[in-house]
Amino acid sequence: MKKEILKDRLIITMIIYSFVISIIGIIFNADISYVIGVCCGTLVAIYRLISLNISLNKAVHLPEDKAINYSRGQYLIRYVITGATLILAALLGISTLIGVFLGLIGIKVAVFSELFYHK
């Protein structure tokens, strides 16, 4: 139960962060592709968090050798999706790429804020 509350707080923090950096981008006259990039990056970051949670919960109940292979496969899938998102954003333009990058680091912002505010 406590893990689910933590995961939900991280997701809420990532959404708030993406909203704030989108507003900052709009204030500094960023175009709509920046905001779309932030939204896409945030969605991929949320996917990565949920996928990591599911993977860890499943790997705990597997034998060690199967858990290692399963974890590696899930890790690879998460990073292929992240890489594909960044490549697609780069093809769409620099403002989209910046937005996606800032959205993707939202998970790091959420974890660090959790460390500072909920000791």
PDB file of N, CA and C in Angstrom:
ATOM      1  N   MET A   1       0.819  -1.196   0.000  1.00  0.00           N
ATOM      2  CA  MET A   1       0.000   0.000   0.000  1.00  0.00           C
ATOM      3  C   MET A   1       0.864   1.262   0.000  1.00  0.00           C
ATOM      4  N   LYS A   2       1.885   1.255   0.868  1.00  0.00           N
ATOM      5  CA  LYS A   2       2.741   2.425   0.955  1.00  0.00           C
ATOM      6  C   LYS A   2       3.500   2.655  -0.350  1.00  0.00           C
ATOM      7  N   LYS A   3       3.876   1.557  -1.048  1.00  0.00           N
ATOM      8  CA  LYS A   3       4.569   1.671  -2.328  1.00  0.00           C
ATOM      9  C   LYS A   3       3.678   2.340  -3.363  1.00  0.00           C
ATOM     10  N   GLU A   4       2.389   1.987  -3.347  1.00  0.00           N
ATOM     11  CA  GLU A   4       1.448   2.583  -4.299  1.00  0.00           C
ATOM     12  C   GLU A   4       1.273   4.070  -4.029  1.00  0.00           C
ATOM     13  N   ILE A   5       1.223   4.451  -2.768  1.00  0.00           N
ATOM     14  CA  ILE A   5       1.097   5.868  -2.422  1.00  0.00           C
ATOM     15  C   ILE A   5       2.328   6.628  -2.882  1.00  0.00           C
ATOM     16  N   LEU A   6       3.509   6.043  -2.687  1.00  0.00           N
ATOM     17  CA  LEU A   6       4.748   6.675  -3.135  1.00  0.00           C
ATOM     18  C   LEU A   6       4.757   6.825  -4.651  1.00  0.00           C
ATOM     19  N   LYS A   7       4.373   5.754  -5.365  1.00  0.00           N
ATOM     20  CA  LYS A   7       4.332   5.808  -6.826  1.00  0.00           C
ATOM     21  C   LYS A   7       3.359   6.898  -7.285  1.00  0.00           C
ATOM     22  N   ASP A   8       2.198   6.969  -6.642  1.00  0.00           N
ATOM     23  CA  ASP A   8       1.212   7.992  -7.009  1.00  0.00           C
ATOM     24  C   ASP A   8       1.743   9.397  -6.732  1.00  0.00           C
ATOM     25  N   ARG A   9       2.434   9.581  -5.607  1.00  0.00           N
ATOM     26  CA  ARG A   9       3.016  10.899  -5.303  1.00  0.00           C
ATOM     27  C   ARG A   9       4.076  11.275  -6.317  1.00  0.00           C
ATOM     28  N   LEU A  10       4.880  10.301  -6.746  1.00  0.00           N
ATOM     29  CA  LEU A  10       5.892  10.582  -7.765  1.00  0.00           C
ATOM     30  C   LEU A  10       5.243  10.999  -9.077  1.00  0.00           C
ATOM     31  N   ILE A  11       4.185  10.312  -9.463  1.00  0.00           N
ATOM     32  CA  ILE A  11       3.491  10.648 -10.706  1.00  0.00           C
ATOM     33  C   ILE A  11       2.870  12.046 -10.610  1.00  0.00           C
ATOM     34  N   ILE A  12       2.249  12.349  -9.498  1.00  0.00           N
ATOM     35  CA  ILE A  12       1.654  13.682  -9.317  1.00  0.00           C
ATOM     36  C   ILE A  12       2.735  14.749  -9.366  1.00  0.00           C
ATOM     37  N   THR A  13       3.875  14.498  -8.734  1.00  0.00           N
ATOM     38  CA  THR A  13       4.983  15.461  -8.762  1.00  0.00           C
ATOM     39  C   THR A  13       5.500  15.658 -10.181  1.00  0.00           C
ATOM     40  N   MET A  14       5.588  14.580 -10.956  1.00  0.00           N
ATOM     41  CA  MET A  14       6.048  14.701 -12.349  1.00  0.00           C
ATOM     42  C   MET A  14       5.057  15.524 -13.175  1.00  0.00           C
ATOM     43  N   ILE A  15       3.776  15.339 -12.947  1.00  0.00           N
ATOM     44  CA  ILE A  15       2.765  16.101 -13.686  1.00  0.00           C
ATOM     45  C   ILE A  15       2.837  17.585 -13.312  1.00  0.00           C
ATOM     46  N   ILE A  16       2.988  17.864 -12.027  1.00  0.00           N
ATOM     47  CA  ILE A  16       3.119  19.264 -11.598  1.00  0.00           C
ATOM     48  C   ILE A  16       4.374  19.882 -12.200  1.00  0.00           C
ATOM     49  N   TYR A  17       5.479  19.153 -12.173  1.00  0.00           N
ATOM     50  CA  TYR A  17       6.732  19.633 -12.760  1.00  0.00           C
ATOM     51  C   TYR A  17       6.549  19.930 -14.244  1.00  0.00           C
ATOM     52  N   SER A  18       5.898  19.030 -14.972  1.00  0.00           N
ATOM     53  CA  SER A  18       5.718  19.257 -16.415  1.00  0.00           C
ATOM     54  C   SER A  18       4.821  20.457 -16.667  1.00  0.00           C
ATOM     55  N   PHE A  19       3.824  20.655 -15.825  1.00  0.00           N
ATOM     56  CA  PHE A  19       2.959  21.829 -15.955  1.00  0.00           C
ATOM     57  C   PHE A  19       3.760  23.108 -15.728  1.00  0.00           C
ATOM     58  N   VAL A  20       4.599  23.109 -14.695  1.00  0.00           N
ATOM     59  CA  VAL A  20       5.406  24.294 -14.380  1.00  0.00           C
ATOM     60  C   VAL A  20       6.393  24.611 -15.505  1.00  0.00           C
ATOM     61  N   ILE A  21       7.103  23.603 -16.013  1.00  0.00           N
ATOM     62  CA  ILE A  21       8.077  23.903 -17.071  1.00  0.00           C
ATOM     63  C   ILE A  21       7.386  24.240 -18.390  1.00  0.00           C
ATOM     64  N   SER A  22       6.169  23.757 -18.583  1.00  0.00           N
ATOM     65  CA  SER A  22       5.402  24.169 -19.765  1.00  0.00           C
ATOM     66  C   SER A  22       5.014  25.633 -19.663  1.00  0.00           C
ATOM     67  N   ILE A  23       4.565  26.050 -18.501  1.00  0.00           N
ATOM     68  CA  ILE A  23       4.196  27.455 -18.283  1.00  0.00           C
ATOM     69  C   ILE A  23       5.414  28.353 -18.447  1.00  0.00           C
ATOM     70  N   ILE A  24       6.548  27.928 -17.896  1.00  0.00           N
ATOM     71  CA  ILE A  24       7.781  28.709 -18.052  1.00  0.00           C
ATOM     72  C   ILE A  24       8.138  28.831 -19.525  1.00  0.00           C
ATOM     73  N   GLY A  25       7.997  27.743 -20.281  1.00  0.00           N
ATOM     74  CA  GLY A  25       8.263  27.793 -21.713  1.00  0.00           C
ATOM     75  C   GLY A  25       7.330  28.748 -22.432  1.00  0.00           C
ATOM     76  N   ILE A  26       6.068  28.740 -22.064  1.00  0.00           N
ATOM     77  CA  ILE A  26       5.098  29.652 -22.688  1.00  0.00           C
ATOM     78  C   ILE A  26       5.428  31.103 -22.353  1.00  0.00           C
ATOM     79  N   ILE A  27       5.843  31.339 -21.119  1.00  0.00           N
ATOM     80  CA  ILE A  27       6.223  32.712 -20.718  1.00  0.00           C
ATOM     81  C   ILE A  27       7.386  33.207 -21.566  1.00  0.00           C
ATOM     82  N   PHE A  28       8.327  32.314 -21.877  1.00  0.00           N
ATOM     83  CA  PHE A  28       9.481  32.699 -22.685  1.00  0.00           C
ATOM     84  C   PHE A  28       9.257  32.488 -24.181  1.00  0.00           C
ATOM     85  N   ASN A  29       7.985  32.455 -24.580  1.00  0.00           N
ATOM     86  CA  ASN A  29       7.579  32.399 -25.986  1.00  0.00           C
ATOM     87  C   ASN A  29       8.023  31.135 -26.713  1.00  0.00           C
ATOM     88  N   ALA A  30       8.059  30.011 -26.028  1.00  0.00           N
ATOM     89  CA  ALA A  30       8.344  28.744 -26.709  1.00  0.00           C
ATOM     90  C   ALA A  30       7.125  28.371 -27.541  1.00  0.00           C
ATOM     91  N   ASP A  31       7.354  27.699 -28.648  1.00  0.00           N
ATOM     92  CA  ASP A  31       6.224  27.320 -29.481  1.00  0.00           C
ATOM     93  C   ASP A  31       5.534  26.072 -28.936  1.00  0.00           C
ATOM     94  N   ILE A  32       4.442  25.704 -29.554  1.00  0.00           N
ATOM     95  CA  ILE A  32       3.627  24.600 -29.066  1.00  0.00           C
ATOM     96  C   ILE A  32       4.373  23.269 -29.116  1.00  0.00           C
ATOM     97  N   SER A  33       5.344  23.134 -30.004  1.00  0.00           N
ATOM     98  CA  SER A  33       6.087  21.879 -30.075  1.00  0.00           C
ATOM     99  C   SER A  33       6.885  21.621 -28.789  1.00  0.00           C
ATOM    100  N   TYR A  34       7.292  22.678 -28.106  1.00  0.00           N
ATOM    101  CA  TYR A  34       7.973  22.534 -26.817  1.00  0.00           C
ATOM    102  C   TYR A  34       7.021  21.915 -25.794  1.00  0.00           C
ATOM    103  N   VAL A  35       5.816  22.436 -25.729  1.00  0.00           N
ATOM    104  CA  VAL A  35       4.825  21.937 -24.771  1.00  0.00           C
ATOM    105  C   VAL A  35       4.444  20.497 -25.107  1.00  0.00           C
ATOM    106  N   ILE A  36       4.288  20.194 -26.386  1.00  0.00           N
ATOM    107  CA  ILE A  36       3.994  18.823 -26.795  1.00  0.00           C
ATOM    108  C   ILE A  36       5.151  17.909 -26.402  1.00  0.00           C
ATOM    109  N   GLY A  37       6.386  18.384 -26.576  1.00  0.00           N
ATOM    110  CA  GLY A  37       7.556  17.612 -26.177  1.00  0.00           C
ATOM    111  C   GLY A  37       7.577  17.341 -24.684  1.00  0.00           C
ATOM    112  N   VAL A  38       7.242  18.348 -23.888  1.00  0.00           N
ATOM    113  CA  VAL A  38       7.195  18.166 -22.429  1.00  0.00           C
ATOM    114  C   VAL A  38       6.151  17.115 -22.068  1.00  0.00           C
ATOM    115  N   CYS A  39       4.986  17.196 -22.700  1.00  0.00           N
ATOM    116  CA  CYS A  39       3.922  16.224 -22.418  1.00  0.00           C
ATOM    117  C   CYS A  39       4.343  14.810 -22.810  1.00  0.00           C
ATOM    118  N   CYS A  40       4.939  14.667 -23.983  1.00  0.00           N
ATOM    119  CA  CYS A  40       5.388  13.338 -24.429  1.00  0.00           C
ATOM    120  C   CYS A  40       6.494  12.803 -23.517  1.00  0.00           C
ATOM    121  N   GLY A  41       7.446  13.646 -23.163  1.00  0.00           N
ATOM    122  CA  GLY A  41       8.516  13.231 -22.269  1.00  0.00           C
ATOM    123  C   GLY A  41       7.991  12.810 -20.907  1.00  0.00           C
ATOM    124  N   THR A  42       7.014  13.542 -20.407  1.00  0.00           N
ATOM    125  CA  THR A  42       6.420  13.209 -19.116  1.00  0.00           C
ATOM    126  C   THR A  42       5.670  11.885 -19.190  1.00  0.00           C
ATOM    127  N   LEU A  43       4.943  11.663 -20.281  1.00  0.00           N
ATOM    128  CA  LEU A  43       4.228  10.395 -20.440  1.00  0.00           C
ATOM    129  C   LEU A  43       5.194   9.212 -20.493  1.00  0.00           C
ATOM    130  N   VAL A  44       6.307   9.378 -21.194  1.00  0.00           N
ATOM    131  CA  VAL A  44       7.305   8.300 -21.258  1.00  0.00           C
ATOM    132  C   VAL A  44       7.933   8.094 -19.875  1.00  0.00           C
ATOM    133  N   ALA A  45       8.183   9.168 -19.146  1.00  0.00           N
ATOM    134  CA  ALA A  45       8.751   9.043 -17.795  1.00  0.00           C
ATOM    135  C   ALA A  45       7.773   8.321 -16.866  1.00  0.00           C
ATOM    136  N   ILE A  46       6.490   8.630 -16.980  1.00  0.00           N
ATOM    137  CA  ILE A  46       5.485   7.936 -16.164  1.00  0.00           C
ATOM    138  C   ILE A  46       5.432   6.457 -16.545  1.00  0.00           C
ATOM    139  N   TYR A  47       5.477   6.174 -17.849  1.00  0.00           N
ATOM    140  CA  TYR A  47       5.528   4.781 -18.297  1.00  0.00           C
ATOM    141  C   TYR A  47       6.736   4.062 -17.695  1.00  0.00           C
ATOM    142  N   ARG A  48       7.895   4.718 -17.724  1.00  0.00           N
ATOM    143  CA  ARG A  48       9.104   4.093 -17.187  1.00  0.00           C
ATOM    144  C   ARG A  48       8.959   3.797 -15.699  1.00  0.00           C
ATOM    145  N   LEU A  49       8.360   4.710 -14.947  1.00  0.00           N
ATOM    146  CA  LEU A  49       8.166   4.506 -13.510  1.00  0.00           C
ATOM    147  C   LEU A  49       7.226   3.327 -13.253  1.00  0.00           C
ATOM    148  N   ILE A  50       6.109   3.293 -13.951  1.00  0.00           N
ATOM    149  CA  ILE A  50       5.143   2.204 -13.765  1.00  0.00           C
ATOM    150  C   ILE A  50       5.751   0.875 -14.210  1.00  0.00           C
ATOM    151  N   SER A  51       6.456   0.883 -15.341  1.00  0.00           N
ATOM    152  CA  SER A  51       7.098  -0.333 -15.835  1.00  0.00           C
ATOM    153  C   SER A  51       8.142  -0.847 -14.849  1.00  0.00           C
ATOM    154  N   LEU A  52       8.918   0.053 -14.279  1.00  0.00           N
ATOM    155  CA  LEU A  52       9.920  -0.345 -13.291  1.00  0.00           C
ATOM    156  C   LEU A  52       9.253  -0.968 -12.068  1.00  0.00           C
ATOM    157  N   ASN A  53       8.177  -0.369 -11.623  1.00  0.00           N
ATOM    158  CA  ASN A  53       7.439  -0.884 -10.471  1.00  0.00           C
ATOM    159  C   ASN A  53       6.915  -2.287 -10.747  1.00  0.00           C
ATOM    160  N   ILE A  54       6.295  -2.482 -11.899  1.00  0.00           N
ATOM    161  CA  ILE A  54       5.761  -3.799 -12.259  1.00  0.00           C
ATOM    162  C   ILE A  54       6.891  -4.814 -12.399  1.00  0.00           C
ATOM    163  N   SER A  55       7.976  -4.410 -13.052  1.00  0.00           N
ATOM    164  CA  SER A  55       9.110  -5.318 -13.262  1.00  0.00           C
ATOM    165  C   SER A  55       9.719  -5.769 -11.941  1.00  0.00           C
ATOM    166  N   LEU A  56       9.913  -4.833 -11.033  1.00  0.00           N
ATOM    167  CA  LEU A  56      10.499  -5.196  -9.740  1.00  0.00           C
ATOM    168  C   LEU A  56       9.585  -6.118  -8.954  1.00  0.00           C
ATOM    169  N   ASN A  57       8.287  -5.817  -8.960  1.00  0.00           N
ATOM    170  CA  ASN A  57       7.351  -6.679  -8.233  1.00  0.00           C
ATOM    171  C   ASN A  57       7.316  -8.089  -8.808  1.00  0.00           C
ATOM    172  N   LYS A  58       7.416  -8.214 -10.121  1.00  0.00           N
ATOM    173  CA  LYS A  58       7.405  -9.539 -10.735  1.00  0.00           C
ATOM    174  C   LYS A  58       8.738 -10.259 -10.526  1.00  0.00           C
ATOM    175  N   ALA A  59       9.845  -9.532 -10.654  1.00  0.00           N
ATOM    176  CA  ALA A  59      11.166 -10.154 -10.539  1.00  0.00           C
ATOM    177  C   ALA A  59      11.419 -10.711  -9.144  1.00  0.00           C
ATOM    178  N   VAL A  60      10.834 -10.112  -8.141  1.00  0.00           N
ATOM    179  CA  VAL A  60      11.027 -10.574  -6.763  1.00  0.00           C
ATOM    180  C   VAL A  60      10.509 -11.998  -6.583  1.00  0.00           C
ATOM    181  N   HIS A  61       9.492 -12.356  -7.332  1.00  0.00           N
ATOM    182  CA  HIS A  61       8.864 -13.670  -7.168  1.00  0.00           C
ATOM    183  C   HIS A  61       9.413 -14.728  -8.129  1.00  0.00           C
ATOM    184  N   LEU A  62      10.404 -14.375  -8.937  1.00  0.00           N
ATOM    185  CA  LEU A  62      11.004 -15.318  -9.873  1.00  0.00           C
ATOM    186  C   LEU A  62      12.292 -15.903  -9.293  1.00  0.00           C
ATOM    187  N   PRO A  63      12.706 -17.078  -9.767  1.00  0.00           N
ATOM    188  CA  PRO A  63      14.035 -17.582  -9.384  1.00  0.00           C
ATOM    189  C   PRO A  63      15.114 -16.606  -9.864  1.00  0.00           C
ATOM    190  N   GLU A  64      16.260 -16.650  -9.231  1.00  0.00           N
ATOM    191  CA  GLU A  64      17.297 -15.640  -9.477  1.00  0.00           C
ATOM    192  C   GLU A  64      17.693 -15.521 -10.943  1.00  0.00           C
ATOM    193  N   ASP A  65      17.961 -16.618 -11.608  1.00  0.00           N
ATOM    194  CA  ASP A  65      18.408 -16.536 -13.005  1.00  0.00           C
ATOM    195  C   ASP A  65      17.315 -15.978 -13.917  1.00  0.00           C
ATOM    196  N   LYS A  66      16.074 -16.386 -13.685  1.00  0.00           N
ATOM    197  CA  LYS A  66      14.963 -15.849 -14.484  1.00  0.00           C
ATOM    198  C   LYS A  66      14.713 -14.382 -14.154  1.00  0.00           C
ATOM    199  N   ALA A  67      14.872 -14.016 -12.893  1.00  0.00           N
ATOM    200  CA  ALA A  67      14.671 -12.619 -12.489  1.00  0.00           C
ATOM    201  C   ALA A  67      15.698 -11.706 -13.151  1.00  0.00           C
ATOM    202  N   ILE A  68      16.937 -12.168 -13.240  1.00  0.00           N
ATOM    203  CA  ILE A  68      17.989 -11.372 -13.882  1.00  0.00           C
ATOM    204  C   ILE A  68      17.670 -11.167 -15.355  1.00  0.00           C
ATOM    205  N   ASN A  69      17.315 -12.245 -16.049  1.00  0.00           N
ATOM    206  CA  ASN A  69      16.991 -12.125 -17.472  1.00  0.00           C
ATOM    207  C   ASN A  69      15.750 -11.274 -17.704  1.00  0.00           C
ATOM    208  N   TYR A  70      14.742 -11.449 -16.874  1.00  0.00           N
ATOM    209  CA  TYR A  70      13.518 -10.659 -16.996  1.00  0.00           C
ATOM    210  C   TYR A  70      13.810  -9.177 -16.772  1.00  0.00           C
ATOM    211  N   SER A  71      14.591  -8.883 -15.738  1.00  0.00           N
ATOM    212  CA  SER A  71      14.925  -7.485 -15.427  1.00  0.00           C
ATOM    213  C   SER A  71      15.726  -6.841 -16.551  1.00  0.00           C
ATOM    214  N   ARG A  72      16.663  -7.583 -17.106  1.00  0.00           N
ATOM    215  CA  ARG A  72      17.450  -7.057 -18.227  1.00  0.00           C
ATOM    216  C   ARG A  72      16.568  -6.762 -19.435  1.00  0.00           C
ATOM    217  N   GLY A  73      15.650  -7.659 -19.729  1.00  0.00           N
ATOM    218  CA  GLY A  73      14.746  -7.453 -20.856  1.00  0.00           C
ATOM    219  C   GLY A  73      13.862  -6.237 -20.668  1.00  0.00           C
ATOM    220  N   GLN A  74      13.333  -6.073 -19.467  1.00  0.00           N
ATOM    221  CA  GLN A  74      12.484  -4.914 -19.184  1.00  0.00           C
ATOM    222  C   GLN A  74      13.281  -3.619 -19.228  1.00  0.00           C
ATOM    223  N   TYR A  75      14.500  -3.660 -18.730  1.00  0.00           N
ATOM    224  CA  TYR A  75      15.400  -2.503 -18.782  1.00  0.00           C
ATOM    225  C   TYR A  75      15.638  -2.094 -20.236  1.00  0.00           C
ATOM    226  N   LEU A  76      15.918  -3.080 -21.079  1.00  0.00           N
ATOM    227  CA  LEU A  76      16.170  -2.812 -22.490  1.00  0.00           C
ATOM    228  C   LEU A  76      14.939  -2.196 -23.157  1.00  0.00           C
ATOM    229  N   ILE A  77      13.783  -2.733 -22.871  1.00  0.00           N
ATOM    230  CA  ILE A  77      12.549  -2.185 -23.453  1.00  0.00           C
ATOM    231  C   ILE A  77      12.364  -0.728 -23.042  1.00  0.00           C
ATOM    232  N   ARG A  78      12.551  -0.435 -21.749  1.00  0.00           N
ATOM    233  CA  ARG A  78      12.381   0.953 -21.273  1.00  0.00           C
ATOM    234  C   ARG A  78      13.337   1.902 -21.980  1.00  0.00           C
ATOM    235  N   TYR A  79      14.584   1.495 -22.144  1.00  0.00           N
ATOM    236  CA  TYR A  79      15.553   2.395 -22.761  1.00  0.00           C
ATOM    237  C   TYR A  79      15.419   2.482 -24.273  1.00  0.00           C
ATOM    238  N   VAL A  80      14.928   1.450 -24.918  1.00  0.00           N
ATOM    239  CA  VAL A  80      14.649   1.541 -26.355  1.00  0.00           C
ATOM    240  C   VAL A  80      13.511   2.541 -26.591  1.00  0.00           C
ATOM    241  N   ILE A  81      12.483   2.467 -25.756  1.00  0.00           N
ATOM    242  CA  ILE A  81      11.367   3.415 -25.884  1.00  0.00           C
ATOM    243  C   ILE A  81      11.855   4.835 -25.623  1.00  0.00           C
ATOM    244  N   THR A  82      12.692   5.019 -24.618  1.00  0.00           N
ATOM    245  CA  THR A  82      13.239   6.342 -24.326  1.00  0.00           C
ATOM    246  C   THR A  82      14.088   6.851 -25.487  1.00  0.00           C
ATOM    247  N   GLY A  83      14.949   6.002 -26.009  1.00  0.00           N
ATOM    248  CA  GLY A  83      15.795   6.383 -27.144  1.00  0.00           C
ATOM    249  C   GLY A  83      14.974   6.723 -28.371  1.00  0.00           C
ATOM    250  N   ALA A  84      13.962   5.913 -28.658  1.00  0.00           N
ATOM    251  CA  ALA A  84      13.099   6.178 -29.814  1.00  0.00           C
ATOM    252  C   ALA A  84      12.364   7.506 -29.655  1.00  0.00           C
ATOM    253  N   THR A  85      11.934   7.797 -28.446  1.00  0.00           N
ATOM    254  CA  THR A  85      11.251   9.066 -28.184  1.00  0.00           C
ATOM    255  C   THR A  85      12.194  10.237 -28.427  1.00  0.00           C
ATOM    256  N   LEU A  86      13.425  10.132 -27.956  1.00  0.00           N
ATOM    257  CA  LEU A  86      14.397  11.211 -28.157  1.00  0.00           C
ATOM    258  C   LEU A  86      14.765  11.374 -29.630  1.00  0.00           C
ATOM    259  N   ILE A  87      14.915  10.268 -30.339  1.00  0.00           N
ATOM    260  CA  ILE A  87      15.240  10.353 -31.772  1.00  0.00           C
ATOM    261  C   ILE A  87      14.098  11.004 -32.541  1.00  0.00           C
ATOM    262  N   LEU A  88      12.871  10.582 -32.256  1.00  0.00           N
ATOM    263  CA  LEU A  88      11.712  11.181 -32.915  1.00  0.00           C
ATOM    264  C   LEU A  88      11.606  12.669 -32.609  1.00  0.00           C
ATOM    265  N   ALA A  89      11.857  13.029 -31.352  1.00  0.00           N
ATOM    266  CA  ALA A  89      11.811  14.446 -30.975  1.00  0.00           C
ATOM    267  C   ALA A  89      12.891  15.242 -31.701  1.00  0.00           C
ATOM    268  N   ALA A  90      14.065  14.657 -31.856  1.00  0.00           N
ATOM    269  CA  ALA A  90      15.150  15.345 -32.564  1.00  0.00           C
ATOM    270  C   ALA A  90      14.784  15.573 -34.028  1.00  0.00           C
ATOM    271  N   LEU A  91      14.075  14.626 -34.614  1.00  0.00           N
ATOM    272  CA  LEU A  91      13.647  14.784 -36.003  1.00  0.00           C
ATOM    273  C   LEU A  91      12.585  15.877 -36.154  1.00  0.00           C
ATOM    274  N   LEU A  92      11.819  16.110 -35.099  1.00  0.00           N
ATOM    275  CA  LEU A  92      10.749  17.110 -35.155  1.00  0.00           C
ATOM    276  C   LEU A  92      11.230  18.529 -34.872  1.00  0.00           C
ATOM    277  N   GLY A  93      12.398  18.664 -34.279  1.00  0.00           N
ATOM    278  CA  GLY A  93      12.932  20.004 -34.028  1.00  0.00           C
ATOM    279  C   GLY A  93      13.544  20.140 -32.655  1.00  0.00           C
ATOM    280  N   ILE A  94      14.342  21.174 -32.523  1.00  0.00           N
ATOM    281  CA  ILE A  94      15.091  21.375 -31.279  1.00  0.00           C
ATOM    282  C   ILE A  94      14.179  21.698 -30.097  1.00  0.00           C
ATOM    283  N   SER A  95      13.117  22.460 -30.321  1.00  0.00           N
ATOM    284  CA  SER A  95      12.235  22.791 -29.195  1.00  0.00           C
ATOM    285  C   SER A  95      11.496  21.548 -28.702  1.00  0.00           C
ATOM    286  N   THR A  96      11.136  20.655 -29.607  1.00  0.00           N
ATOM    287  CA  THR A  96      10.502  19.397 -29.198  1.00  0.00           C
ATOM    288  C   THR A  96      11.495  18.540 -28.425  1.00  0.00           C
ATOM    289  N   LEU A  97      12.726  18.483 -28.898  1.00  0.00           N
ATOM    290  CA  LEU A  97      13.755  17.700 -28.223  1.00  0.00           C
ATOM    291  C   LEU A  97      14.012  18.226 -26.809  1.00  0.00           C
ATOM    292  N   ILE A  98      14.099  19.524 -26.676  1.00  0.00           N
ATOM    293  CA  ILE A  98      14.302  20.113 -25.344  1.00  0.00           C
ATOM    294  C   ILE A  98      13.123  19.793 -24.440  1.00  0.00           C
ATOM    295  N   GLY A  99      11.908  19.911 -24.972  1.00  0.00           N
ATOM    296  CA  GLY A  99      10.718  19.598 -24.192  1.00  0.00           C
ATOM    297  C   GLY A  99      10.685  18.150 -23.742  1.00  0.00           C
ATOM    298  N   VAL A 100      10.998  17.230 -24.653  1.00  0.00           N
ATOM    299  CA  VAL A 100      11.015  15.808 -24.307  1.00  0.00           C
ATOM    300  C   VAL A 100      12.077  15.539 -23.245  1.00  0.00           C
ATOM    301  N   PHE A 101      13.247  16.110 -23.424  1.00  0.00           N
ATOM    302  CA  PHE A 101      14.315  15.914 -22.441  1.00  0.00           C
ATOM    303  C   PHE A 101      13.881  16.398 -21.058  1.00  0.00           C
ATOM    304  N   LEU A 102      13.297  17.597 -21.002  1.00  0.00           N
ATOM    305  CA  LEU A 102      12.848  18.130 -19.711  1.00  0.00           C
ATOM    306  C   LEU A 102      11.726  17.281 -19.122  1.00  0.00           C
ATOM    307  N   GLY A 103      10.861  16.756 -19.967  1.00  0.00           N
ATOM    308  CA  GLY A 103       9.816  15.862 -19.480  1.00  0.00           C
ATOM    309  C   GLY A 103      10.377  14.561 -18.932  1.00  0.00           C
ATOM    310  N   LEU A 104      11.378  14.024 -19.615  1.00  0.00           N
ATOM    311  CA  LEU A 104      11.990  12.770 -19.170  1.00  0.00           C
ATOM    312  C   LEU A 104      12.703  12.909 -17.831  1.00  0.00           C
ATOM    313  N   ILE A 105      13.308  14.052 -17.572  1.00  0.00           N
ATOM    314  CA  ILE A 105      14.001  14.191 -16.286  1.00  0.00           C
ATOM    315  C   ILE A 105      13.034  14.510 -15.146  1.00  0.00           C
ATOM    316  N   GLY A 106      11.757  14.583 -15.474  1.00  0.00           N
ATOM    317  CA  GLY A 106      10.750  14.801 -14.440  1.00  0.00           C
ATOM    318  C   GLY A 106      10.768  13.727 -13.370  1.00  0.00           C
ATOM    319  N   ILE A 107      11.105  12.507 -13.743  1.00  0.00           N
ATOM    320  CA  ILE A 107      11.175  11.429 -12.756  1.00  0.00           C
ATOM    321  C   ILE A 107      12.289  11.694 -11.743  1.00  0.00           C
ATOM    322  N   LYS A 108      13.380  12.265 -12.200  1.00  0.00           N
ATOM    323  CA  LYS A 108      14.482  12.591 -11.291  1.00  0.00           C
ATOM    324  C   LYS A 108      14.088  13.730 -10.351  1.00  0.00           C
ATOM    325  N   VAL A 109      13.408  14.714 -10.890  1.00  0.00           N
ATOM    326  CA  VAL A 109      12.917  15.824 -10.067  1.00  0.00           C
ATOM    327  C   VAL A 109      11.956  15.293  -9.003  1.00  0.00           C
ATOM    328  N   ALA A 110      11.071  14.381  -9.393  1.00  0.00           N
ATOM    329  CA  ALA A 110      10.104  13.820  -8.447  1.00  0.00           C
ATOM    330  C   ALA A 110      10.795  13.032  -7.337  1.00  0.00           C
ATOM    331  N   VAL A 111      11.793  12.238  -7.692  1.00  0.00           N
ATOM    332  CA  VAL A 111      12.496  11.440  -6.680  1.00  0.00           C
ATOM    333  C   VAL A 111      13.274  12.339  -5.730  1.00  0.00           C
ATOM    334  N   PHE A 112      13.967  13.336  -6.271  1.00  0.00           N
ATOM    335  CA  PHE A 112      14.719  14.244  -5.394  1.00  0.00           C
ATOM    336  C   PHE A 112      13.792  15.056  -4.500  1.00  0.00           C
ATOM    337  N   SER A 113      12.663  15.493  -5.022  1.00  0.00           N
ATOM    338  CA  SER A 113      11.728  16.240  -4.179  1.00  0.00           C
ATOM    339  C   SER A 113      11.160  15.336  -3.088  1.00  0.00           C
ATOM    340  N   GLU A 114      10.960  14.078  -3.406  1.00  0.00           N
ATOM    341  CA  GLU A 114      10.480  13.120  -2.403  1.00  0.00           C
ATOM    342  C   GLU A 114      11.517  12.951  -1.289  1.00  0.00           C
ATOM    343  N   LEU A 115      12.785  12.930  -1.644  1.00  0.00           N
ATOM    344  CA  LEU A 115      13.849  12.812  -0.650  1.00  0.00           C
ATOM    345  C   LEU A 115      13.897  14.027   0.268  1.00  0.00           C
ATOM    346  N   PHE A 116      13.704  15.207  -0.294  1.00  0.00           N
ATOM    347  CA  PHE A 116      13.828  16.430   0.497  1.00  0.00           C
ATOM    348  C   PHE A 116      12.592  16.723   1.335  1.00  0.00           C
ATOM    349  N   TYR A 117      11.413  16.450   0.806  1.00  0.00           N
ATOM    350  CA  TYR A 117      10.185  16.861   1.486  1.00  0.00           C
ATOM    351  C   TYR A 117       9.585  15.791   2.369  1.00  0.00           C
ATOM    352  N   HIS A 118       9.967  14.543   2.205  1.00  0.00           N
ATOM    353  CA  HIS A 118       9.331  13.466   2.958  1.00  0.00           C
ATOM    354  C   HIS A 118      10.364  12.596   3.650  1.00  0.00           C
ATOM    355  N   LYS A 119      11.268  13.215   4.403  1.00  0.00           N
ATOM    356  CA  LYS A 119      12.280  12.452   5.131  1.00  0.00           C
ATOM    357  C   LYS A 119      11.688  11.739   6.306  1.00  0.00           C
TER     358      LYS A 119
END
